[in-house]
Protein backbone atom coordinates (compact mmCIF):
# COMPACT_ATOMS: atom_id res chain seq x y z
CA MET A 1 19.36 25.86 -36.15
CA THR A 2 19.10 28.07 -39.24
CA ASN A 3 18.63 31.84 -38.85
CA THR A 4 15.13 31.52 -40.32
CA SER A 5 14.12 28.87 -37.75
CA HIS A 6 15.71 30.96 -35.04
CA LEU A 7 13.70 34.05 -35.99
CA ASN A 8 10.48 32.05 -36.33
CA LEU A 9 10.94 30.65 -32.84
CA ILE A 10 11.56 34.09 -31.35
CA THR A 11 8.51 35.51 -33.15
CA ALA A 12 6.34 32.67 -31.89
CA ALA A 13 7.67 32.72 -28.34
CA PHE A 14 7.49 36.40 -27.39
CA ASN A 15 4.54 38.78 -27.02
CA ARG A 16 2.04 36.00 -27.62
CA PRO A 17 -0.10 33.96 -25.22
CA LEU A 18 1.44 30.56 -24.50
CA ALA A 19 -0.23 27.47 -23.02
CA LEU A 20 2.82 26.44 -20.98
CA GLU A 21 3.04 25.19 -17.40
CA ALA A 22 5.12 27.69 -15.38
CA GLY A 23 7.97 25.29 -14.63
CA TYR A 24 8.13 24.20 -18.27
CA ALA A 25 8.12 27.83 -19.44
CA ARG A 26 11.00 28.69 -17.10
CA THR A 27 13.07 25.87 -18.59
CA PHE A 28 12.08 26.79 -22.15
CA PHE A 29 13.08 30.43 -21.91
CA SER A 30 16.22 29.60 -19.92
CA ALA A 31 17.39 27.35 -22.74
CA LEU A 32 16.36 29.86 -25.40
CA SER A 33 18.31 32.61 -23.63
CA GLN A 34 21.54 30.73 -24.34
CA ARG A 35 20.91 31.42 -28.04
CA LEU A 36 20.01 35.08 -27.47
CA ASN A 37 23.30 36.59 -26.36
CA ASN A 38 21.77 39.81 -25.03
CA VAL A 39 19.51 38.17 -22.35
CA GLN A 40 20.93 39.07 -18.93
CA GLN A 41 18.16 37.90 -16.65
CA LEU A 42 14.77 36.21 -16.50
CA VAL A 43 12.02 37.21 -14.07
CA ASP A 44 9.98 34.17 -13.11
CA VAL A 45 6.22 34.19 -12.47
CA ASP A 46 6.85 34.26 -8.72
CA GLY A 47 9.06 37.37 -9.04
CA SER A 48 12.38 35.57 -8.58
CA VAL A 49 15.21 36.70 -10.85
CA LEU A 50 17.37 34.20 -12.74
CA THR A 51 20.78 35.41 -13.89
CA ALA A 52 22.51 34.13 -17.03
CA SER A 53 24.28 31.40 -15.04
CA ASP A 54 21.00 30.51 -13.28
CA MET A 55 19.27 30.12 -16.63
CA LYS A 56 22.04 27.86 -17.88
CA LYS A 57 21.63 25.62 -14.83
CA GLU A 58 17.85 25.62 -15.22
CA ALA A 59 18.09 24.45 -18.82
CA ALA A 60 20.50 21.69 -17.86
CA SER A 61 18.41 20.44 -14.93
CA PHE A 62 15.21 19.74 -16.86
CA SER A 63 13.83 16.27 -16.17
CA PRO A 64 11.21 15.20 -18.73
CA ARG A 65 7.78 14.08 -17.71
CA ARG A 66 7.09 10.42 -18.15
CA SER A 67 4.63 9.27 -20.74
CA THR A 68 1.05 9.40 -19.52
CA GLU A 69 0.66 5.79 -20.65
CA ARG A 70 1.56 4.33 -17.29
CA SER A 71 0.08 1.11 -16.07
CA TYR A 72 -1.07 2.92 -12.92
CA GLN A 73 -2.50 6.25 -11.83
CA VAL A 74 -0.31 8.78 -9.99
CA VAL A 75 -1.86 11.10 -7.39
CA ASN A 76 0.31 13.44 -5.30
CA GLY A 77 3.38 11.41 -6.20
CA ILE A 78 1.72 8.14 -5.15
CA ALA A 79 1.29 5.32 -7.67
CA ILE A 80 -2.03 3.53 -7.17
CA VAL A 81 -1.86 -0.15 -8.12
CA PRO A 82 -5.27 -1.91 -8.01
CA ILE A 83 -5.33 -5.58 -6.95
CA SER A 84 -8.81 -7.04 -7.29
CA GLY A 85 -10.55 -10.38 -7.63
CA THR A 86 -8.89 -13.78 -7.55
CA LEU A 87 -5.08 -13.78 -7.45
CA VAL A 88 -3.47 -16.12 -9.98
CA HIS A 89 0.01 -17.14 -11.07
CA LYS A 90 1.46 -16.19 -14.49
CA TYR A 91 -1.78 -14.61 -15.68
CA GLY A 92 -0.14 -12.67 -18.50
CA TYR A 93 -2.06 -9.40 -18.00
CA ILE A 94 -0.67 -6.22 -16.47
CA ARG A 95 -3.99 -4.98 -15.11
CA PRO A 96 -6.82 -6.88 -13.37
CA ILE A 97 -9.16 -8.43 -15.93
CA SER A 98 -12.12 -10.84 -15.87
CA GLY A 99 -12.28 -10.77 -12.09
CA MET A 100 -8.64 -11.82 -11.66
CA THR A 101 -5.26 -10.20 -10.97
CA GLY A 102 -1.98 -11.89 -11.86
CA TYR A 103 0.96 -11.84 -9.48
CA ASP A 104 3.06 -11.17 -12.58
CA GLY A 105 0.99 -8.07 -13.34
CA VAL A 106 1.42 -6.72 -9.81
CA ASP A 107 5.15 -7.41 -10.03
CA TYR A 108 5.39 -5.53 -13.34
CA ARG A 109 3.49 -2.46 -12.15
CA ILE A 110 5.43 -2.12 -8.89
CA ARG A 111 8.74 -2.42 -10.75
CA GLU A 112 7.61 0.27 -13.16
CA ALA A 113 6.59 2.57 -10.30
CA LEU A 114 9.91 2.00 -8.53
CA SER A 115 11.78 3.30 -11.58
CA ASP A 116 9.38 6.23 -12.12
CA PRO A 117 11.04 9.44 -10.85
CA GLU A 118 7.64 11.07 -10.30
CA VAL A 119 6.54 8.28 -7.94
CA LYS A 120 7.59 8.76 -4.32
CA ALA A 121 5.48 5.96 -2.82
CA ILE A 122 3.13 3.17 -3.88
CA MET A 123 -0.38 2.28 -2.71
CA LEU A 124 -1.77 -1.21 -3.37
CA ASP A 125 -5.55 -0.70 -3.61
CA MET A 126 -6.77 -4.17 -2.66
CA ASP A 127 -10.14 -5.90 -2.88
CA THR A 128 -9.35 -9.59 -3.09
CA PRO A 129 -10.35 -12.78 -1.25
CA GLY A 130 -6.99 -14.35 -2.16
CA GLY A 131 -6.07 -16.97 -4.70
CA MET A 132 -3.28 -19.32 -5.67
CA VAL A 133 -0.37 -20.14 -3.37
CA ALA A 134 1.91 -20.51 -6.40
CA GLY A 135 3.59 -17.16 -6.97
CA CYS A 136 2.15 -15.53 -3.84
CA PHE A 137 5.10 -15.99 -1.48
CA ASP A 138 7.59 -14.97 -4.17
CA LEU A 139 5.73 -11.70 -4.82
CA ALA A 140 5.46 -10.98 -1.08
CA ASP A 141 9.20 -11.52 -0.66
CA LYS A 142 9.91 -9.02 -3.45
CA ILE A 143 7.54 -6.42 -1.98
CA ALA A 144 9.36 -6.74 1.35
CA GLU A 145 12.58 -5.92 -0.52
CA TRP A 146 11.10 -3.12 -2.61
CA ARG A 147 9.60 -1.30 0.38
CA LYS A 148 13.21 -0.43 1.32
CA VAL A 149 13.49 1.46 -1.98
CA LYS A 150 10.14 3.30 -1.89
CA PRO A 151 7.39 3.04 0.75
CA ILE A 152 4.65 0.59 -0.27
CA TRP A 153 1.33 0.78 1.57
CA SER A 154 -1.78 -1.35 1.17
CA LEU A 155 -5.44 -0.40 1.44
CA GLY A 156 -8.02 -3.06 2.23
CA TYR A 157 -10.92 -1.52 0.30
CA ASP A 158 -12.81 -3.69 1.09
CA MET A 159 -10.89 -6.96 1.45
CA HIS A 160 -7.42 -8.43 1.55
CA CYS A 161 -7.72 -12.01 2.77
CA SER A 162 -5.60 -15.14 2.50
CA ALA A 163 -3.12 -14.57 -0.37
CA GLY A 164 -4.24 -10.92 -0.29
CA GLN A 165 -3.26 -10.75 3.38
CA MET A 166 0.11 -12.26 2.48
CA ILE A 167 0.75 -9.43 0.01
CA ALA A 168 -0.55 -6.76 2.41
CA SER A 169 1.64 -8.13 5.19
CA ALA A 170 4.74 -7.45 3.10
CA CYS A 171 3.84 -3.76 2.75
CA SER A 172 5.28 -0.93 4.84
CA ARG A 173 1.87 -0.04 6.30
CA ARG A 174 -1.64 -1.48 5.99
CA LEU A 175 -4.79 0.65 5.91
CA ILE A 176 -8.29 -0.80 6.04
CA THR A 177 -11.80 0.60 5.78
CA GLN A 178 -14.40 0.29 8.52
CA THR A 179 -16.06 -2.57 6.61
CA GLY A 180 -12.83 -3.97 5.19
CA VAL A 181 -12.05 -7.64 5.85
CA ALA A 182 -8.57 -9.02 6.52
CA GLY A 183 -6.94 -12.23 7.70
CA SER A 184 -7.71 -15.82 6.70
CA VAL A 185 -4.07 -16.86 7.19
CA GLY A 186 -4.58 -20.45 6.16
CA VAL A 187 -4.59 -22.83 3.20
CA ILE A 188 -7.45 -24.79 1.68
CA MET A 189 -7.72 -27.64 -0.84
CA ALA A 190 -10.74 -29.33 -2.42
CA HIS A 191 -11.09 -32.91 -3.62
CA THR A 192 -13.94 -34.07 -5.83
CA ASN A 193 -15.22 -37.65 -5.88
CA ILE A 194 -17.47 -38.35 -8.89
CA GLU A 195 -17.43 -42.14 -8.57
CA LYS A 196 -21.19 -42.50 -7.81
CA MET A 197 -22.15 -40.09 -10.58
CA LEU A 198 -20.15 -42.15 -13.07
CA ASP A 199 -21.84 -45.34 -11.82
CA GLN A 200 -25.29 -43.85 -12.44
CA GLN A 201 -24.26 -42.88 -15.95
CA GLY A 202 -22.79 -46.28 -16.61
CA VAL A 203 -19.29 -44.93 -17.06
CA GLU A 204 -16.26 -46.79 -15.81
CA ILE A 205 -12.83 -45.16 -15.61
CA THR A 206 -9.68 -47.27 -15.64
CA LEU A 207 -6.45 -45.58 -14.63
CA ILE A 208 -3.21 -47.11 -15.83
CA THR A 209 -0.23 -45.72 -13.96
CA ALA A 210 3.47 -46.30 -13.39
CA GLY A 211 4.34 -45.36 -9.83
CA SER A 212 2.14 -46.10 -6.85
CA HIS A 213 1.44 -42.41 -6.14
CA LYS A 214 1.03 -41.23 -9.74
CA ALA A 215 -2.77 -40.94 -9.49
CA ASP A 216 -3.00 -39.74 -5.88
CA GLY A 217 -6.16 -37.69 -5.45
CA HIS A 218 -7.89 -38.70 -8.66
CA PRO A 219 -11.63 -37.87 -8.70
CA TYR A 220 -12.91 -41.31 -9.66
CA ALA A 221 -12.88 -42.83 -6.15
CA ALA A 222 -12.98 -41.79 -2.51
CA LEU A 223 -9.82 -40.08 -1.26
CA PRO A 224 -7.58 -42.67 0.45
CA LYS A 225 -6.77 -41.95 4.12
CA GLU A 226 -3.00 -41.92 3.56
CA VAL A 227 -3.31 -39.41 0.71
CA LYS A 228 -5.56 -37.17 2.79
CA GLU A 229 -3.08 -37.26 5.69
CA LYS A 230 -0.21 -36.44 3.35
CA TRP A 231 -2.05 -33.46 1.90
CA GLN A 232 -3.06 -32.32 5.37
CA LYS A 233 0.62 -32.18 6.37
CA GLU A 234 1.48 -30.23 3.25
CA LEU A 235 -1.31 -27.73 3.93
CA GLU A 236 -0.15 -27.27 7.51
CA SER A 237 3.40 -26.71 6.28
CA ASN A 238 2.12 -24.01 3.92
CA ARG A 239 0.14 -22.42 6.74
CA GLN A 240 3.22 -22.32 8.96
CA MET A 241 5.23 -20.72 6.14
CA PHE A 242 2.42 -18.21 5.53
CA ALA A 243 2.20 -17.27 9.20
CA ASN A 244 5.98 -17.01 9.66
CA LYS A 245 6.42 -14.75 6.65
CA ALA A 246 3.46 -12.55 7.58
CA ALA A 247 4.65 -12.25 11.18
CA THR A 248 8.17 -11.34 10.08
CA TYR A 249 6.96 -8.71 7.62
CA MET A 250 4.55 -7.13 10.11
CA GLY A 251 6.84 -7.38 13.13
CA VAL A 252 4.45 -9.45 15.29
CA ASP A 253 4.69 -12.78 17.10
CA VAL A 254 3.97 -15.74 14.82
CA LYS A 255 1.97 -17.34 17.65
CA GLN A 256 -0.41 -14.39 17.44
CA ILE A 257 -0.97 -15.09 13.75
CA LEU A 258 -1.39 -18.85 14.16
CA ALA A 259 -3.83 -18.33 17.04
CA THR A 260 -6.32 -16.73 14.63
CA GLU A 261 -6.83 -20.17 13.03
CA ALA A 262 -7.45 -18.55 9.62
CA GLU A 263 -10.27 -16.38 10.99
CA THR A 264 -11.20 -13.15 9.18
CA TYR A 265 -11.58 -9.76 10.89
CA GLU A 266 -13.42 -6.59 9.95
CA GLY A 267 -12.32 -2.98 10.33
CA GLN A 268 -11.00 -2.18 13.80
CA ALA A 269 -10.91 -5.87 14.73
CA ALA A 270 -8.33 -6.39 11.97
CA VAL A 271 -6.23 -3.61 13.50
CA ASP A 272 -6.58 -5.08 16.98
CA VAL A 273 -5.30 -8.50 15.87
CA GLY A 274 -2.42 -6.97 13.88
CA PHE A 275 -3.52 -7.55 10.29
CA ALA A 276 -3.88 -3.79 9.64
CA ASN A 277 -2.41 -0.62 11.14
CA GLU A 278 -5.22 1.90 10.82
CA VAL A 279 -8.91 2.22 9.97
CA VAL A 280 -9.53 4.93 7.37
CA ASN A 281 -12.19 6.15 5.00
CA GLY A 282 -11.23 4.54 1.71
CA LEU A 283 -11.79 7.81 -0.15
CA ASP A 284 -9.25 9.55 2.10
CA ALA A 285 -6.51 6.90 1.93
CA ILE A 286 -4.35 8.55 -0.73
CA GLN A 287 -4.53 11.92 1.00
CA ILE A 288 -3.61 10.30 4.33
CA MET A 289 -0.57 8.68 2.74
CA SER A 290 0.37 11.92 0.97
CA ASP A 291 0.10 13.95 4.19
CA HIS A 292 2.20 11.36 6.02
CA PHE A 293 5.17 11.88 3.72
CA LYS A 294 4.56 15.60 3.29
CA HIS A 295 4.98 16.16 7.02
CA SER A 296 8.03 13.90 7.19
CA LYS A 297 11.57 14.84 6.26
CA THR A 298 13.16 11.73 4.82
CA THR A 299 11.24 8.49 5.20
CA VAL A 300 13.32 5.35 5.49
CA ASP A 301 11.46 2.07 5.64
CA MET A 302 12.95 -0.13 8.33
CA GLY A 303 10.68 -3.06 7.57
CA ALA A 304 7.84 -3.54 10.00
CA ALA A 305 8.41 -0.07 11.51
CA MET A 306 8.67 3.28 9.74
CA SER A 307 11.42 5.63 10.89
CA VAL A 308 11.41 9.31 10.00
CA VAL A 309 14.88 10.81 9.70
CA ASP A 310 15.56 14.54 9.70
CA PRO A 311 18.63 15.21 7.52
CA ASN A 312 19.25 18.48 9.37
CA VAL A 313 19.86 16.68 12.66
CA PRO A 314 23.13 14.76 13.22
CA SER A 315 22.59 11.02 12.81
CA ALA A 316 23.80 10.34 16.34
CA ALA A 317 20.81 12.35 17.61
CA GLN A 318 18.24 10.47 15.53
CA PRO A 319 15.85 8.03 17.23
CA SER A 320 16.73 4.39 16.68
CA ALA A 321 14.24 1.54 16.56
CA THR A 322 16.74 -0.68 18.31
CA ALA A 323 18.07 1.83 20.83
CA PRO A 324 17.48 0.91 24.49
CA ALA A 325 15.01 2.98 26.45
CA PRO A 326 16.58 5.73 28.60
CA GLN A 327 17.19 4.64 32.16
CA PRO A 328 15.96 6.75 35.09
CA ALA A 329 18.55 8.82 36.87
CA ALA A 330 20.09 7.37 40.03
CA SER A 331 18.64 8.59 43.32
CA ALA A 332 20.51 11.31 45.22
CA PRO A 333 22.67 10.15 48.18
CA ALA A 334 20.81 9.98 51.47
CA ASN A 335 23.50 12.03 53.23
CA ASP A 336 23.42 15.46 51.58
CA ALA A 337 26.53 16.49 53.48
CA ALA A 338 28.65 13.74 51.93
CA PRO A 339 31.03 15.08 49.29
CA ALA A 340 30.05 14.25 45.74
CA PRO A 341 32.58 12.03 43.92
CA THR A 342 34.54 13.67 41.16
CA GLN A 343 33.11 13.16 37.63
CA ALA A 344 36.23 14.02 35.66
CA PRO A 345 37.39 10.44 34.87
CA ALA A 346 33.90 9.37 33.85
CA GLN A 347 33.50 12.42 31.64
CA SER A 348 36.83 11.72 29.99
CA ALA A 349 35.87 8.11 29.27
CA SER A 350 32.48 9.22 28.01
CA GLN A 351 34.12 11.74 25.67
CA GLU A 352 36.46 9.07 24.36
CA ASP A 353 33.54 6.71 23.70
CA SER A 354 31.67 9.52 22.00
CA ASP A 355 34.65 10.28 19.74
CA LYS A 356 34.95 6.60 18.80
CA ALA A 357 31.24 6.40 18.04
CA ALA A 358 31.41 9.55 15.91
CA LYS A 359 34.40 8.19 14.02
CA ALA A 360 32.64 4.88 13.40
CA GLU A 361 29.53 6.71 12.22
CA ARG A 362 31.54 8.81 9.78
CA ALA A 363 33.22 5.67 8.46
CA ARG A 364 29.83 3.99 8.01
CA CYS A 365 28.36 6.96 6.14
CA MET A 366 31.40 7.33 3.90
CA GLY A 367 31.41 3.59 3.28
CA ILE A 368 27.80 3.70 2.03
CA LEU A 369 28.40 6.75 -0.17
CA ALA A 370 31.54 5.15 -1.65
CA LEU A 371 29.78 1.94 -2.66
CA PRO A 372 29.80 1.19 -6.41
CA GLU A 373 26.07 0.49 -6.05
CA ALA A 374 25.57 4.15 -4.99
CA GLU A 375 26.47 5.29 -8.51
CA GLY A 376 23.33 6.71 -10.07
CA ARG A 377 21.47 6.30 -6.75
CA ARG A 378 23.05 9.19 -4.84
CA GLU A 379 19.85 10.44 -3.21
CA LEU A 380 18.93 6.99 -1.88
CA ALA A 381 22.52 6.47 -0.69
CA MET A 382 22.31 9.73 1.26
CA HIS A 383 19.07 8.55 2.85
CA LEU A 384 20.60 5.25 3.88
CA ALA A 385 23.72 6.91 5.21
CA SER A 386 21.60 9.20 7.42
CA ASN A 387 19.94 6.19 9.07
CA THR A 388 22.12 4.74 11.81
CA SER A 389 20.52 1.28 11.60
CA PHE A 390 21.80 0.53 8.09
CA SER A 391 25.24 -1.06 7.92
CA VAL A 392 27.36 -0.70 4.78
CA GLU A 393 26.48 -4.26 3.72
CA GLU A 394 22.76 -3.73 4.32
CA ALA A 395 22.84 -0.49 2.35
CA LYS A 396 24.70 -2.28 -0.45
CA GLY A 397 21.85 -4.78 -0.76
CA VAL A 398 19.21 -2.05 -0.84
CA LEU A 399 21.09 0.02 -3.43
CA ALA A 400 21.68 -3.02 -5.61
CA VAL A 401 17.93 -3.49 -6.22
CA ALA A 402 17.11 0.23 -6.57
CA PRO A 403 16.73 1.73 -10.08
CA GLN A 404 19.48 4.06 -11.23
CA ALA A 405 18.77 7.74 -11.88
CA THR A 406 19.36 9.14 -15.33
CA ASN A 407 22.06 11.70 -16.19
CA ASP A 408 20.07 14.90 -16.65
CA ASN A 409 22.61 16.93 -18.63
CA ASN A 410 21.43 19.61 -20.99
CA THR A 411 21.70 17.50 -24.15
CA ALA A 412 19.82 14.50 -22.78
CA ALA A 413 17.17 16.69 -21.16
CA LEU A 414 16.33 18.66 -24.26
CA ALA A 415 16.45 15.56 -26.43
CA ALA A 416 13.91 13.90 -24.13
CA LEU A 417 11.85 17.08 -24.15
CA GLY A 418 11.67 16.95 -27.92
CA ALA A 419 10.97 13.21 -28.02
CA GLU A 420 8.04 13.71 -25.66
CA HIS A 421 6.23 15.91 -28.17
CA GLY A 422 7.26 14.39 -31.48
CA GLU A 423 10.11 13.84 -33.93
CA LEU A 424 12.91 16.40 -33.95
CA LEU A 425 12.70 19.15 -36.57
CA GLY A 426 15.46 20.72 -38.66
CA GLN A 427 17.93 19.30 -41.15
CA ASP A 428 20.82 20.75 -39.16
CA VAL A 429 20.10 18.29 -36.35
CA SER A 430 19.94 15.14 -38.46
CA THR A 431 23.02 15.90 -40.57
CA GLY A 432 25.33 16.12 -37.59
CA GLU A 433 26.84 19.38 -38.90
CA ALA A 434 25.36 21.57 -36.21
CA SER A 435 26.96 22.30 -32.84
CA GLU A 436 25.59 20.72 -29.67
CA GLU A 437 24.08 24.07 -28.69
CA GLN A 438 22.28 24.33 -32.04
CA LYS A 439 21.02 20.77 -31.72
CA ASN A 440 19.64 21.49 -28.26
CA ILE A 441 17.82 24.61 -29.40
CA SER A 442 16.38 22.73 -32.37
CA ARG A 443 15.11 20.00 -30.08
CA LEU A 444 13.58 22.64 -27.84
CA ALA A 445 11.95 24.29 -30.84
CA ALA A 446 10.50 20.96 -31.92
CA ALA A 447 9.00 20.48 -28.49
CA TYR A 448 7.66 24.02 -28.33
CA GLN A 449 6.00 23.95 -31.75
CA ARG A 450 3.99 20.88 -30.72
CA ILE A 451 2.41 22.53 -27.67
CA ASP A 452 -1.12 23.79 -28.29
């Protein structure tokens, strides 16, 4: 940066009111202090004091805000993804439009939210009676995978039925309003016979086919019995697949799902049958989800069940979803005078088992953290390592589908900061003759001068 630009920035930055968010201002002045050699400390708005080394770290740790042009709204770190109307395959639109939502649009928005560092969890805001089978199971399978990366909840406000229930089933947790409707785990098909209408109009249709089943189900005659039976079997096969997937995702018995016979359930009845987890006021749903994670330490999605892991407690002491229930203590001997058997050998064996378990646990944790897939996903790897139910191979699969974090060094951070507010200013930046420090300050200046 030239001396003139340097002086202009100092003049503009000090002793004048600035419309800067406090965290942004801390980063700004920390970076600027590296250019002003006589700055020894910075007093933050909360009274905390940053030394020269603290300011250097602050400048290097800046993570730019994402563009506000997201395909979803973010509230309290939760991405809200609306799913409304009829669900269709390969619709081609990101957002719901004309009373329809495309599975491809839902897929796109969830993927975007998964890679968004400001998004900690995702809420599918659903009001849909269902739609096409094509594409539905594939999307549900992906949601079941993605919920291991970030929690994905659904809200039935006021309906998630049929294909909508399939998608909701794949979520980590399902909320529903008191008038919300869920269920309809079944498949339907319609056949139209317009033969008599064509007769009245004097129209005759002649089908010329190659292959005896080429025109199965055509609308110009009554549906043959054998074709109807074939389709009935196919529908039942789809229903069985639907029920099995939903039961697996939700952690319930498939017989319980099939027993509903595609019935729909409202509010608490949907919770009672297992299609939802909790009845809420739709207007409070986001706050409920936010409070859930705010009061938790580290949330690891185990699939149908949610396990909260405290990183400050050794993993061996954490509750496990698969751990056996504690057994009651054995009754005391009837003869109190009888000498108690020595416990030393048992204690020794117990200590040996405990040492082996601790060694195996350390090996598992180190194995997860050493995975190549953990590169750029260190925080998620730490979460998985702290959960005793994740093997190294299982953690590898989860990390493989998780988005990588960016390298927030000082140069990249300030470059992104400048790019967020406009093109970079200063000939010394574009010519390549300036030092990295000068380039960073110029980028920061460009960002600052575009803040009103």
